[in-house]
C-alpha atoms as a PDB file:
ATOM      1  CA  MET A   1      25.181 -62.970  39.908  1.00  0.00           C
ATOM      2  CA  ALA A   2      23.495 -59.362  40.874  1.00  0.00           C
ATOM      3  CA  GLN A   3      22.293 -57.541  37.771  1.00  0.00           C
ATOM      4  CA  ALA A   4      24.000 -54.151  37.618  1.00  0.00           C
ATOM      5  CA  LYS A   5      22.388 -51.095  38.188  1.00  0.00           C
ATOM      6  CA  SER A   6      21.551 -49.023  35.176  1.00  0.00           C
ATOM      7  CA  ASN A   7      22.688 -45.247  35.419  1.00  0.00           C
ATOM      8  CA  ARG A   8      20.172 -43.852  32.844  1.00  0.00           C
ATOM      9  CA  ARG A   9      18.438 -41.208  33.599  1.00  0.00           C
ATOM     10  CA  VAL A  10      14.884 -40.346  33.461  1.00  0.00           C
ATOM     11  CA  ALA A  11      14.187 -36.781  31.928  1.00  0.00           C
ATOM     12  CA  THR A  12      11.135 -35.128  33.004  1.00  0.00           C
ATOM     13  CA  THR A  13       9.550 -32.041  30.568  1.00  0.00           C
ATOM     14  CA  ALA A  14       7.078 -29.743  30.862  1.00  0.00           C
ATOM     15  CA  PRO A  15       4.043 -30.268  28.781  1.00  0.00           C
ATOM     16  CA  SER A  16       4.175 -28.971  25.606  1.00  0.00           C
ATOM     17  CA  LYS A  17       0.147 -27.527  25.330  1.00  0.00           C
ATOM     18  CA  ASN A  18      -1.679 -26.548  28.871  1.00  0.00           C
ATOM     19  CA  THR A  19      -3.061 -29.270  30.418  1.00  0.00           C
ATOM     20  CA  GLU A  20      -6.407 -28.463  30.976  1.00  0.00           C
ATOM     21  CA  ILE A  21      -8.943 -31.599  29.906  1.00  0.00           C
ATOM     22  CA  GLN A  22     -10.812 -30.378  26.950  1.00  0.00           C
ATOM     23  CA  LYS A  23     -14.952 -30.549  26.982  1.00  0.00           C
ATOM     24  CA  ILE A  24     -16.132 -34.535  27.415  1.00  0.00           C
ATOM     25  CA  LYS A  25     -19.702 -34.611  26.186  1.00  0.00           C
ATOM     26  CA  TYR A  26     -22.362 -37.162  28.384  1.00  0.00           C
ATOM     27  CA  SER A  27     -25.643 -37.963  27.956  1.00  0.00           C
ATOM     28  CA  LYS A  28     -28.521 -37.736  30.945  1.00  0.00           C
ATOM     29  CA  GLU A  29     -30.509 -40.259  29.785  1.00  0.00           C
ATOM     30  CA  ASP A  30     -30.586 -41.962  32.730  1.00  0.00           C
ATOM     31  CA  GLU A  31     -30.934 -39.431  35.154  1.00  0.00           C
ATOM     32  CA  PRO A  32     -30.359 -40.307  39.179  1.00  0.00           C
ATOM     33  CA  THR A  33     -33.355 -39.714  41.123  1.00  0.00           C
ATOM     34  CA  PHE A  34     -30.574 -39.209  44.502  1.00  0.00           C
ATOM     35  CA  TYR A  35     -27.339 -38.176  44.698  1.00  0.00           C
ATOM     36  CA  LYS A  36     -25.041 -39.982  46.976  1.00  0.00           C
ATOM     37  CA  CYS A  37     -22.274 -38.464  49.021  1.00  0.00           C
ATOM     38  CA  PRO A  38     -19.456 -41.049  48.266  1.00  0.00           C
ATOM     39  CA  THR A  39     -17.556 -39.955  51.366  1.00  0.00           C
ATOM     40  CA  CYS A  40     -20.301 -39.717  54.023  1.00  0.00           C
ATOM     41  CA  GLY A  41     -22.747 -41.918  52.332  1.00  0.00           C
ATOM     42  CA  THR A  42     -25.432 -39.552  52.448  1.00  0.00           C
ATOM     43  CA  PRO A  43     -28.077 -39.535  49.990  1.00  0.00           C
ATOM     44  CA  TYR A  44     -29.522 -35.957  48.296  1.00  0.00           C
ATOM     45  CA  LYS A  45     -31.740 -35.519  45.815  1.00  0.00           C
ATOM     46  CA  LYS A  46     -30.146 -32.350  44.023  1.00  0.00           C
ATOM     47  CA  LEU A  47     -26.831 -31.860  43.460  1.00  0.00           C
ATOM     48  CA  ASP A  48     -27.849 -27.761  43.970  1.00  0.00           C
ATOM     49  CA  ASP A  49     -27.541 -26.423  46.946  1.00  0.00           C
ATOM     50  CA  ASN A  50     -25.914 -29.906  48.475  1.00  0.00           C
ATOM     51  CA  PHE A  51     -22.734 -30.396  46.623  1.00  0.00           C
ATOM     52  CA  PRO A  52     -19.899 -27.416  45.090  1.00  0.00           C
ATOM     53  CA  ALA A  53     -20.227 -26.368  41.814  1.00  0.00           C
ATOM     54  CA  SER A  54     -17.302 -27.129  39.928  1.00  0.00           C
ATOM     55  CA  GLN A  55     -15.627 -25.744  36.398  1.00  0.00           C
ATOM     56  CA  SER A  56     -13.855 -29.124  35.572  1.00  0.00           C
ATOM     57  CA  GLU A  57     -14.829 -31.735  32.961  1.00  0.00           C
ATOM     58  CA  MET A  58     -13.770 -34.661  35.272  1.00  0.00           C
ATOM     59  CA  TYR A  59     -17.542 -34.180  36.886  1.00  0.00           C
ATOM     60  CA  ALA A  60     -19.509 -32.991  33.809  1.00  0.00           C
ATOM     61  CA  GLY A  61     -21.407 -36.716  34.767  1.00  0.00           C
ATOM     62  CA  TRP A  62     -22.725 -34.892  37.815  1.00  0.00           C
ATOM     63  CA  ASP A  63     -23.316 -31.838  36.361  1.00  0.00           C
ATOM     64  CA  TYR A  64     -20.419 -29.863  37.078  1.00  0.00           C
ATOM     65  CA  HIS A  65     -20.635 -30.822  40.766  1.00  0.00           C
ATOM     66  CA  LEU A  66     -18.304 -32.035  43.082  1.00  0.00           C
ATOM     67  CA  PRO A  67     -18.762 -35.329  44.316  1.00  0.00           C
ATOM     68  CA  ILE A  68     -17.819 -34.589  48.126  1.00  0.00           C
ATOM     69  CA  CYS A  69     -21.193 -32.678  50.060  1.00  0.00           C
ATOM     70  CA  LYS A  70     -20.941 -29.735  51.446  1.00  0.00           C
ATOM     71  CA  ARG A  71     -20.460 -30.911  55.555  1.00  0.00           C
ATOM     72  CA  CYS A  72     -17.668 -33.407  54.303  1.00  0.00           C
ATOM     73  CA  MET A  73     -16.005 -30.629  52.594  1.00  0.00           C
ATOM     74  CA  ASP A  74     -15.964 -28.327  56.070  1.00  0.00           C
ATOM     75  CA  LYS A  75     -14.692 -31.505  57.567  1.00  0.00           C
ATOM     76  CA  LEU A  76     -11.684 -32.066  55.180  1.00  0.00           C
ATOM     77  CA  PHE A  77     -11.291 -28.009  55.254  1.00  0.00           C
ATOM     78  CA  GLU A  78     -10.591 -28.613  59.090  1.00  0.00           C
ATOM     79  CA  HIS A  79      -8.484 -31.116  58.657  1.00  0.00           C
ATOM     80  CA  TYR A  80      -5.697 -30.116  56.485  1.00  0.00           C
ATOM     81  CA  THR A  81      -6.242 -26.866  58.589  1.00  0.00           C
ATOM     82  CA  GLU A  82      -4.773 -28.641  61.684  1.00  0.00           C
ATOM     83  CA  VAL A  83      -2.897 -30.808  60.162  1.00  0.00           C
ATOM     84  CA  TYR A  84      -0.995 -27.731  58.234  1.00  0.00           C
ATOM     85  CA  GLY A  85      -0.389 -26.038  61.780  1.00  0.00           C
ATOM     86  CA  GLY A  86      -3.791 -23.964  60.974  1.00  0.00           C
ATOM     87  CA  ASP A  87      -2.254 -22.600  57.932  1.00  0.00           C
ATOM     88  CA  GLU A  88      -5.574 -21.892  56.257  1.00  0.00           C
ATOM     89  CA  ASP A  89      -4.552 -21.164  52.796  1.00  0.00           C
ATOM     90  CA  THR A  90      -2.106 -24.049  52.304  1.00  0.00           C
ATOM     91  CA  ALA A  91      -5.054 -26.550  53.733  1.00  0.00           C
ATOM     92  CA  ILE A  92      -7.184 -24.559  51.057  1.00  0.00           C
ATOM     93  CA  ARG A  93      -4.867 -24.920  48.079  1.00  0.00           C
ATOM     94  CA  ARG A  94      -5.342 -29.079  49.637  1.00  0.00           C
ATOM     95  CA  ILE A  95      -8.228 -29.074  48.555  1.00  0.00           C
ATOM     96  CA  CYS A  96      -8.067 -27.475  45.091  1.00  0.00           C
ATOM     97  CA  GLU A  97      -5.481 -29.870  44.035  1.00  0.00           C
ATOM     98  CA  LYS A  98      -7.478 -32.917  45.279  1.00  0.00           C
ATOM     99  CA  PHE A  99     -10.403 -31.740  43.778  1.00  0.00           C
ATOM    100  CA  ASN A 100      -9.002 -30.171  40.598  1.00  0.00           C
ATOM    101  CA  ILE A 101     -10.270 -26.156  41.809  1.00  0.00           C
ATOM    102  CA  TYR A 102      -8.132 -23.205  40.320  1.00  0.00           C
ATOM    103  CA  TYR A 103      -6.089 -21.612  42.745  1.00  0.00           C
ATOM    104  CA  ASN A 104      -5.090 -18.253  42.898  1.00  0.00           C
ATOM    105  CA  ILE A 105      -4.087 -15.930  45.456  1.00  0.00           C
ATOM    106  CA  SER A 106      -7.039 -12.714  44.292  1.00  0.00           C
ATOM    107  CA  LEU A 107      -9.279 -15.655  45.298  1.00  0.00           C
ATOM    108  CA  LEU A 108      -7.311 -16.663  48.382  1.00  0.00           C
ATOM    109  CA  ASN A 109      -7.542 -12.838  49.413  1.00  0.00           C
ATOM    110  CA  ALA A 110     -11.644 -12.552  49.015  1.00  0.00           C
ATOM    111  CA  SER A 111     -12.267 -15.220  50.551  1.00  0.00           C
ATOM    112  CA  ARG A 112     -10.805 -13.893  53.684  1.00  0.00           C
ATOM    113  CA  LYS A 113     -13.999 -11.441  53.807  1.00  0.00           C
ATOM    114  CA  ILE A 114     -16.406 -13.861  54.746  1.00  0.00           C
ATOM    115  CA  THR A 115     -19.208 -13.402  57.670  1.00  0.00           C
ATOM    116  CA  LYS A 116     -19.611 -15.756  60.774  1.00  0.00           C
ATOM    117  CA  ASN A 117     -21.771 -18.492  59.548  1.00  0.00           C
ATOM    118  CA  ARG A 118     -20.656 -18.597  56.362  1.00  0.00           C
ATOM    119  CA  SER A 119     -17.458 -21.732  55.778  1.00  0.00           C
ATOM    120  CA  ARG A 120     -14.170 -19.658  53.926  1.00  0.00           C
ATOM    121  CA  MET A 121     -13.958 -23.201  51.913  1.00  0.00           C
ATOM    122  CA  HIS A 122     -17.507 -22.726  50.619  1.00  0.00           C
ATOM    123  CA  THR A 123     -16.526 -18.885  49.564  1.00  0.00           C
ATOM    124  CA  TYR A 124     -13.512 -19.732  47.527  1.00  0.00           C
ATOM    125  CA  VAL A 125     -15.234 -22.284  45.909  1.00  0.00           C
ATOM    126  CA  SER A 126     -18.019 -20.198  44.756  1.00  0.00           C
ATOM    127  CA  ARG A 127     -15.738 -17.059  43.857  1.00  0.00           C
ATOM    128  CA  ALA A 128     -13.920 -19.606  41.469  1.00  0.00           C
ATOM    129  CA  ASN A 129     -17.223 -20.555  39.948  1.00  0.00           C
ATOM    130  CA  LEU A 130     -18.121 -16.702  38.989  1.00  0.00           C
ATOM    131  CA  THR A 131     -17.484 -16.043  35.090  1.00  0.00           C
ATOM    132  CA  GLN A 132     -14.680 -14.637  35.353  1.00  0.00           C
ATOM    133  CA  TYR A 133     -12.996 -17.969  36.271  1.00  0.00           C
ATOM    134  CA  LYS A 134     -14.737 -19.910  34.176  1.00  0.00           C
ATOM    135  CA  GLY A 135     -13.381 -22.661  32.235  1.00  0.00           C
ATOM    136  CA  LYS A 136     -10.426 -22.743  35.072  1.00  0.00           C
ATOM    137  CA  THR A 137      -9.103 -25.562  37.190  1.00  0.00           C
ATOM    138  CA  PHE A 138      -5.987 -26.891  38.943  1.00  0.00           C
ATOM    139  CA  ASP A 139      -4.855 -27.431  35.400  1.00  0.00           C
ATOM    140  CA  THR A 140      -4.562 -23.660  34.808  1.00  0.00           C
ATOM    141  CA  THR A 141      -3.018 -22.637  38.102  1.00  0.00           C
ATOM    142  CA  LEU A 142      -0.067 -25.142  37.482  1.00  0.00           C
ATOM    143  CA  ASP A 143       0.419 -24.062  33.732  1.00  0.00           C
ATOM    144  CA  GLU A 144       0.125 -20.019  35.143  1.00  0.00           C
ATOM    145  CA  GLU A 145       2.452 -21.073  38.035  1.00  0.00           C
ATOM    146  CA  ARG A 146       5.013 -22.967  35.166  1.00  0.00           C
ATOM    147  CA  LYS A 147       5.117 -19.920  33.123  1.00  0.00           C
ATOM    148  CA  GLU A 148       5.680 -17.286  35.937  1.00  0.00           C
ATOM    149  CA  GLY A 149       7.853 -19.520  38.226  1.00  0.00           C
ATOM    150  CA  VAL A 150       5.606 -18.368  41.239  1.00  0.00           C
ATOM    151  CA  ILE A 151       7.908 -19.280  44.429  1.00  0.00           C
ATOM    152  CA  GLU A 152       6.285 -21.526  47.041  1.00  0.00           C
ATOM    153  CA  THR A 153       8.091 -22.209  49.604  1.00  0.00           C
ATOM    154  CA  TYR A 154      11.433 -20.670  50.599  1.00  0.00           C
ATOM    155  CA  GLU A 155      14.024 -23.942  49.105  1.00  0.00           C
ATOM    156  CA  ASP A 156      12.594 -22.233  45.636  1.00  0.00           C
ATOM    157  CA  ILE A 157      14.601 -19.222  46.744  1.00  0.00           C
ATOM    158  CA  LYS A 158      17.929 -20.884  46.503  1.00  0.00           C
ATOM    159  CA  ASP A 159      17.748 -21.150  42.767  1.00  0.00           C
ATOM    160  CA  ASP A 160      16.684 -17.541  42.434  1.00  0.00           C
ATOM    161  CA  LYS A 161      19.322 -14.257  42.779  1.00  0.00           C
ATOM    162  CA  LYS A 162      16.726 -11.560  42.350  1.00  0.00           C
ATOM    163  CA  THR A 163      14.241 -12.331  44.893  1.00  0.00           C
ATOM    164  CA  LYS A 164      15.121 -12.043  48.984  1.00  0.00           C
ATOM    165  CA  LEU A 165      14.157 -14.681  51.502  1.00  0.00           C
ATOM    166  CA  LYS A 166      13.208 -11.260  53.802  1.00  0.00           C
ATOM    167  CA  THR A 167      11.339 -10.270  51.039  1.00  0.00           C
ATOM    168  CA  VAL A 168       9.043 -13.447  50.745  1.00  0.00           C
ATOM    169  CA  LYS A 169       8.663 -13.979  54.550  1.00  0.00           C
ATOM    170  CA  PHE A 170       7.076 -10.708  54.636  1.00  0.00           C
ATOM    171  CA  PHE A 171       5.263 -10.761  52.155  1.00  0.00           C
ATOM    172  CA  GLY A 172       4.226 -14.839  51.979  1.00  0.00           C
ATOM    173  CA  THR A 173       4.893 -17.241  49.883  1.00  0.00           C
ATOM    174  CA  GLY A 174       2.758 -17.541  46.917  1.00  0.00           C
ATOM    175  CA  PHE A 175       3.947 -15.210  44.120  1.00  0.00           C
ATOM    176  CA  SER A 176       6.137 -15.061  41.304  1.00  0.00           C
ATOM    177  CA  ASP A 177       9.301 -13.273  40.876  1.00  0.00           C
ATOM    178  CA  ASP A 178       8.000 -10.426  39.212  1.00  0.00           C
ATOM    179  CA  ASP A 179       5.087 -10.455  41.912  1.00  0.00           C
ATOM    180  CA  TYR A 180       7.834  -9.949  44.506  1.00  0.00           C
ATOM    181  CA  GLN A 181       9.736  -7.280  42.907  1.00  0.00           C
ATOM    182  CA  TYR A 182       7.066  -5.391  42.422  1.00  0.00           C
ATOM    183  CA  LEU A 183       5.098  -5.576  45.674  1.00  0.00           C
ATOM    184  CA  GLN A 184       8.780  -4.685  47.471  1.00  0.00           C
ATOM    185  CA  ASP A 185       9.270  -1.704  44.439  1.00  0.00           C
ATOM    186  CA  GLN A 186       5.766  -0.401  45.764  1.00  0.00           C
ATOM    187  CA  TYR A 187       5.899  -0.773  49.640  1.00  0.00           C
ATOM    188  CA  THR A 188       9.686   0.979  49.301  1.00  0.00           C
ATOM    189  CA  ASP A 189       8.086   3.696  47.533  1.00  0.00           C
ATOM    190  CA  TRP A 190       5.178   3.854  50.278  1.00  0.00           C
ATOM    191  CA  THR A 191       6.774   3.535  52.897  1.00  0.00           C
ATOM    192  CA  THR A 192       9.708   6.596  51.828  1.00  0.00           C
ATOM    193  CA  ARG A 193       7.032   9.093  51.197  1.00  0.00           C
ATOM    194  CA  CYS A 194       4.679   8.246  53.839  1.00  0.00           C
ATOM    195  CA  GLU A 195       4.892   7.787  57.079  1.00  0.00           C
ATOM    196  CA  CYS A 196       5.290   4.231  58.808  1.00  0.00           C
ATOM    197  CA  LYS A 197       6.470   4.047  62.086  1.00  0.00           C
ATOM    198  CA  THR A 198       4.304   1.254  63.555  1.00  0.00           C
ATOM    199  CA  LYS A 199       2.898  -2.665  62.936  1.00  0.00           C
ATOM    200  CA  ALA A 200      -0.765  -1.157  62.140  1.00  0.00           C
ATOM    201  CA  GLN A 201       0.577   1.243  59.233  1.00  0.00           C
ATOM    202  CA  GLU A 202       2.958  -1.764  57.606  1.00  0.00           C
ATOM    203  CA  GLU A 203      -0.154  -4.207  57.187  1.00  0.00           C
ATOM    204  CA  VAL A 204      -2.298  -1.623  56.087  1.00  0.00           C
ATOM    205  CA  PHE A 205       0.573  -0.794  53.232  1.00  0.00           C
ATOM    206  CA  LYS A 206       1.597  -4.374  53.055  1.00  0.00           C
ATOM    207  CA  ARG A 207      -2.612  -4.248  52.258  1.00  0.00           C
ATOM    208  CA  ILE A 208      -2.157  -1.251  49.600  1.00  0.00           C
ATOM    209  CA  CYS A 209       0.343  -2.880  47.867  1.00  0.00           C
ATOM    210  CA  PHE A 210      -1.407  -6.351  47.569  1.00  0.00           C
ATOM    211  CA  LYS A 211      -4.732  -4.350  45.922  1.00  0.00           C
ATOM    212  CA  GLN A 212      -2.220  -2.856  43.740  1.00  0.00           C
ATOM    213  CA  LEU A 213      -0.955  -6.182  42.546  1.00  0.00           C
ATOM    214  CA  GLU A 214      -4.070  -7.408  42.020  1.00  0.00           C
ATOM    215  CA  ILE A 215      -5.019  -4.196  40.128  1.00  0.00           C
ATOM    216  CA  LEU A 216      -2.317  -4.720  37.742  1.00  0.00           C
ATOM    217  CA  LYS A 217      -3.132  -8.146  36.793  1.00  0.00           C
ATOM    218  CA  ALA A 218      -6.943  -7.332  36.645  1.00  0.00           C
ATOM    219  CA  ASN A 219      -6.089  -4.718  34.064  1.00  0.00           C
ATOM    220  CA  ARG A 220      -4.374  -7.289  32.165  1.00  0.00           C
ATOM    221  CA  LEU A 221      -7.146  -9.300  31.819  1.00  0.00           C
ATOM    222  CA  GLY A 222      -9.198  -7.212  30.939  1.00  0.00           C
ATOM    223  CA  VAL A 223     -11.493  -7.137  33.984  1.00  0.00           C
ATOM    224  CA  ASP A 224     -13.521  -5.206  35.853  1.00  0.00           C
ATOM    225  CA  THR A 225     -11.597  -3.434  39.128  1.00  0.00           C
ATOM    226  CA  LYS A 226     -14.499  -1.627  40.161  1.00  0.00           C
ATOM    227  CA  ASP A 227     -14.291  -3.746  43.183  1.00  0.00           C
ATOM    228  CA  LEU A 228     -10.626  -4.079  43.700  1.00  0.00           C
ATOM    229  CA  ASP A 229     -10.643  -0.390  43.373  1.00  0.00           C
ATOM    230  CA  LYS A 230     -12.973   0.555  46.025  1.00  0.00           C
ATOM    231  CA  THR A 231     -11.106  -1.892  48.407  1.00  0.00           C
ATOM    232  CA  PHE A 232      -8.133  -0.054  47.416  1.00  0.00           C
ATOM    233  CA  GLN A 233      -9.599   3.359  48.510  1.00  0.00           C
ATOM    234  CA  ASP A 234     -10.533   2.251  51.795  1.00  0.00           C
ATOM    235  CA  TYR A 235      -7.262   1.338  52.219  1.00  0.00           C
ATOM    236  CA  LEU A 236      -6.390   4.763  51.636  1.00  0.00           C
ATOM    237  CA  ASP A 237      -8.867   5.861  53.767  1.00  0.00           C
ATOM    238  CA  THR A 238      -7.737   4.075  56.563  1.00  0.00           C
ATOM    239  CA  ALA A 239      -3.534   4.793  56.187  1.00  0.00           C
ATOM    240  CA  ASN A 240      -5.169   8.399  55.455  1.00  0.00           C
ATOM    241  CA  LEU A 241      -3.763   9.335  52.190  1.00  0.00           C
ATOM    242  CA  LYS A 242      -6.284   9.955  50.353  1.00  0.00           C
ATOM    243  CA  PRO A 243      -5.222  12.833  47.500  1.00  0.00           C
ATOM    244  CA  LYS A 244      -7.962  15.140  48.750  1.00  0.00           C
ATOM    245  CA  GLN A 245      -7.367  14.329  52.506  1.00  0.00           C
ATOM    246  CA  ASN A 246      -3.532  15.304  51.613  1.00  0.00           C
ATOM    247  CA  ASN A 247      -4.412  18.207  49.925  1.00  0.00           C
ATOM    248  CA  LEU A 248      -6.491  19.761  53.080  1.00  0.00           C
ATOM    249  CA  ASP A 249      -3.558  18.914  55.007  1.00  0.00           C
ATOM    250  CA  ALA A 250      -0.908  20.829  52.674  1.00  0.00           C
ATOM    251  CA  LEU A 251      -3.516  23.901  52.798  1.00  0.00           C
ATOM    252  CA  SER A 252      -3.334  24.043  56.553  1.00  0.00           C
ATOM    253  CA  ASP A 253       0.028  23.439  57.358  1.00  0.00           C
ATOM    254  CA  ALA A 254       0.679  26.913  54.429  1.00  0.00           C
ATOM    255  CA  GLN A 255      -1.691  29.153  56.534  1.00  0.00           C
ATOM    256  CA  THR A 256      -0.931  31.205  59.354  1.00  0.00           C
ATOM    257  CA  PHE A 257      -2.901  30.279  62.897  1.00  0.00           C
ATOM    258  CA  GLY A 258      -5.125  33.540  62.532  1.00  0.00           C
ATOM    259  CA  THR A 259      -6.081  32.931  58.842  1.00  0.00           C
ATOM    260  CA  LEU A 260      -7.270  29.173  60.066  1.00  0.00           C
ATOM    261  CA  LEU A 261      -9.455  31.100  62.866  1.00  0.00           C
ATOM    262  CA  ALA A 262     -10.732  33.483  60.505  1.00  0.00           C
ATOM    263  CA  LYS A 263     -11.905  30.837  57.796  1.00  0.00           C
ATOM    264  CA  LEU A 264     -13.803  28.586  60.548  1.00  0.00           C
ATOM    265  CA  GLU A 265     -15.544  31.802  61.881  1.00  0.00           C
ATOM    266  CA  ASN A 266     -16.460  32.355  58.285  1.00  0.00           C
ATOM    267  CA  GLU A 267     -17.317  28.887  57.023  1.00  0.00           C
ATOM    268  CA  ARG A 268     -17.648  27.282  60.186  1.00  0.00           C
ATOM    269  CA  PRO A 269     -19.026  29.148  63.055  1.00  0.00           C
ATOM    270  CA  LEU A 270     -20.038  28.849  65.973  1.00  0.00           C
ATOM    271  CA  PRO A 271     -23.867  28.132  66.808  1.00  0.00           C
ATOM    272  CA  GLU A 272     -25.769  30.206  69.001  1.00  0.00           C
ATOM    273  CA  ILE A 273     -25.002  29.675  72.956  1.00  0.00           C
ATOM    274  CA  ASP A 274     -28.501  28.741  74.981  1.00  0.00           C
ATOM    275  CA  GLU A 275     -29.325  31.216  77.642  1.00  0.00           C
ATOM    276  CA  GLU A 276     -28.215  29.054  80.379  1.00  0.00           C
ATOM    277  CA  LEU A 277     -24.803  27.917  79.089  1.00  0.00           C
ATOM    278  CA  LYS A 278     -24.044  31.494  78.359  1.00  0.00           C
ATOM    279  CA  ASP A 279     -21.155  32.661  80.494  1.00  0.00           C
ATOM    280  CA  VAL A 280     -21.571  30.307  82.568  1.00  0.00           C
ATOM    281  CA  ASP A 281     -18.277  31.001  85.622  1.00  0.00           C
ATOM    282  CA  LYS A 282     -18.923  34.603  84.425  1.00  0.00           C
ATOM    283  CA  ILE A 283     -15.741  34.761  83.099  1.00  0.00           C
ATOM    284  CA  GLY A 284     -16.545  37.659  80.582  1.00  0.00           C
ATOM    285  CA  LEU A 285     -18.546  40.436  83.440  1.00  0.00           C
ATOM    286  CA  TYR A 286     -14.908  39.790  85.256  1.00  0.00           C
ATOM    287  CA  ILE A 287     -12.938  40.879  81.869  1.00  0.00           C
ATOM    288  CA  ASP A 288     -15.470  43.507  81.230  1.00  0.00           C
ATOM    289  CA  VAL A 289     -14.964  44.691  85.135  1.00  0.00           C
ATOM    290  CA  PHE A 290     -11.507  44.302  85.665  1.00  0.00           C
ATOM    291  CA  PHE A 291     -10.045  44.795  82.288  1.00  0.00           C
ATOM    292  CA  ARG A 292     -12.224  46.809  80.346  1.00  0.00           C
ATOM    293  CA  GLY A 293     -13.762  49.305  82.927  1.00  0.00           C
ATOM    294  CA  HIS A 294     -10.902  49.643  84.468  1.00  0.00           C
ATOM    295  CA  LEU A 295      -9.154  50.929  81.467  1.00  0.00           C
ATOM    296  CA  SER A 296     -11.622  53.019  80.968  1.00  0.00           C
ATOM    297  CA  LYS A 297     -11.336  54.363  84.849  1.00  0.00           C
ATOM    298  CA  MET A 298      -8.043  55.747  84.354  1.00  0.00           C
ATOM    299  CA  MET A 299      -8.299  56.999  81.551  1.00  0.00           C
ATOM    300  CA  GLY A 300     -11.011  58.903  82.945  1.00  0.00           C
ATOM    301  CA  LEU A 301     -13.741  58.101  80.454  1.00  0.00           C
ATOM    302  CA  LYS A 302     -17.449  57.904  81.340  1.00  0.00           C
ATOM    303  CA  ASN A 303     -18.964  55.343  79.551  1.00  0.00           C
ATOM    304  CA  GLY A 304     -20.988  52.401  80.284  1.00  0.00           C
ATOM    305  CA  LEU A 305     -18.148  49.808  81.620  1.00  0.00           C
ATOM    306  CA  SER A 306     -16.663  52.427  84.027  1.00  0.00           C
ATOM    307  CA  ASN A 307     -19.772  52.991  85.583  1.00  0.00           C
ATOM    308  CA  LEU A 308     -20.397  48.792  85.846  1.00  0.00           C
ATOM    309  CA  TYR A 309     -16.406  49.208  87.430  1.00  0.00           C
ATOM    310  CA  ASN A 310     -17.599  51.690  89.650  1.00  0.00           C
ATOM    311  CA  LYS A 311     -20.904  49.655  91.043  1.00  0.00           C
ATOM    312  CA  PHE A 312     -18.508  46.376  90.710  1.00  0.00           C
ATOM    313  CA  ILE A 313     -16.000  47.797  93.100  1.00  0.00           C
ATOM    314  CA  LYS A 314     -18.217  49.962  95.739  1.00  0.00           C
ATOM    315  CA  LYS A 315     -18.851  46.443  96.815  1.00  0.00           C
ATOM    316  CA  TYR A 316     -15.923  45.649  97.788  1.00  0.00           C
ATOM    317  CA  THR A 317     -14.461  49.264  98.793  1.00  0.00           C
ATOM    318  CA  VAL A 318     -14.233  49.767 102.494  1.00  0.00           C
ATOM    319  CA  GLU A 319     -14.892  53.946 103.592  1.00  0.00           C
ATOM    320  CA  ARG A 320     -13.890  55.630 107.357  1.00  0.00           C
ATOM    321  CA  PRO A 321     -16.296  56.005 109.193  1.00  0.00           C
ATOM    322  CA  GLU A 322     -17.642  59.243 110.613  1.00  0.00           C
ATOM    323  CA  TYR A 323     -18.787  60.036 114.029  1.00  0.00           C
ATOM    324  CA  GLU A 324     -20.892  63.226 115.584  1.00  0.00           C
ATOM    325  CA  GLY A 325     -17.995  64.120 117.772  1.00  0.00           C
ATOM    326  CA  ASP A 326     -15.245  64.352 115.533  1.00  0.00           C
ATOM    327  CA  GLU A 327     -14.546  68.685 116.385  1.00  0.00           C
ATOM    328  CA  ASP A 328     -13.963  67.527 120.412  1.00  0.00           C
ATOM    329  CA  ASN A 329     -12.152  65.228 119.585  1.00  0.00           C
ATOM    330  CA  GLU A 330      -9.535  67.300 117.541  1.00  0.00           C
ATOM    331  CA  ALA A 331     -10.031  70.183 120.375  1.00  0.00           C
ATOM    332  CA  LEU A 332      -8.764  67.665 122.543  1.00  0.00           C
ATOM    333  CA  PHE A 333      -5.697  66.055 120.601  1.00  0.00           C
ATOM    334  CA  ASP A 334      -4.875  70.042 120.385  1.00  0.00           C
ATOM    335  CA  ALA A 335      -4.951  70.401 123.579  1.00  0.00           C
ATOM    336  CA  ILE A 336      -2.829  67.941 124.390  1.00  0.00           C
ATOM    337  CA  PHE A 337      -0.070  67.962 121.797  1.00  0.00           C
ATOM    338  CA  GLY A 338      -0.749  71.597 120.693  1.00  0.00           C
ATOM    339  CA  SER A 339      -1.484  72.052 117.057  1.00  0.00           C
ATOM    340  CA  GLN A 340       0.208  73.520 114.312  1.00  0.00           C
ATOM    341  CA  THR A 341      -1.106  76.861 114.350  1.00  0.00           C
ATOM    342  CA  ASP A 342       0.334  77.521 117.961  1.00  0.00           C
ATOM    343  CA  ASP A 343       4.069  75.743 117.308  1.00  0.00           C
ATOM    344  CA  GLU A 344       4.044  78.457 114.257  1.00  0.00           C
END
């Protein structure tokens, strides 16, 4: 007789305390002479510079280094990037999950600023081992996500009425509901007050919102925000939104054209022009002759400008020619046609 299927459901509960592994003590009595990568089998004489550092107590026996050499980690990163359709962010999260590395959006964004010759995965791991992330592992990530309710996939939005699918698609996954609300509010505020017509402007405003969120979280943790503030100011400079720039623009709009010209002449006058570049087209001469000189001539003024006008015009003046036989010609004309005196 077939056994009846049980309808009992197994309940899953979240851990009551944080899931980080407590510090494990180990002995260094038997220190090895070399370290072999479990992945490729290559032996190394030392851990530093060959194996990535770790914050996890799981690797305390390896002096807090991951049991995979840097070359193999690069290959693993390339593998997961290809598997996830070129999505490097998802590939980094998968490796963090596999090796118990702390995963954080701020670290993810910071790892994008790398040189051509350096792996992004190595950059992420090195930043994850900075002082402010001491003792944090992927267990910490899970605890943070459980508390914040991070939206990792579009399906997570179905049970969330506050966050819209459009917002998640615009900003990307990996944020909590409160984060999405903050990002959307800030983006709407920026684009309402400032001009945003192109794709490039949208991306700049999006970066500004991301950086605002990072600064907000850093302030809550009491972390220094000097680098974040500098990046934020750079984004404002890119968008031409620095307060100093806005004040200058507003001042320019309030002044008349003549006032601006006077201000430029007083504060930033033109330098003295070289002799070979002075009045190349003789525009100044033409103005002195045909405008100022002609006006002086019309007004009956005798000055340098009127003399210049007479001298210049004389070259183009045609005078009636005079001949010695003009009187004889006049007498002949009078003899033929008669003179005005005879008519009278």
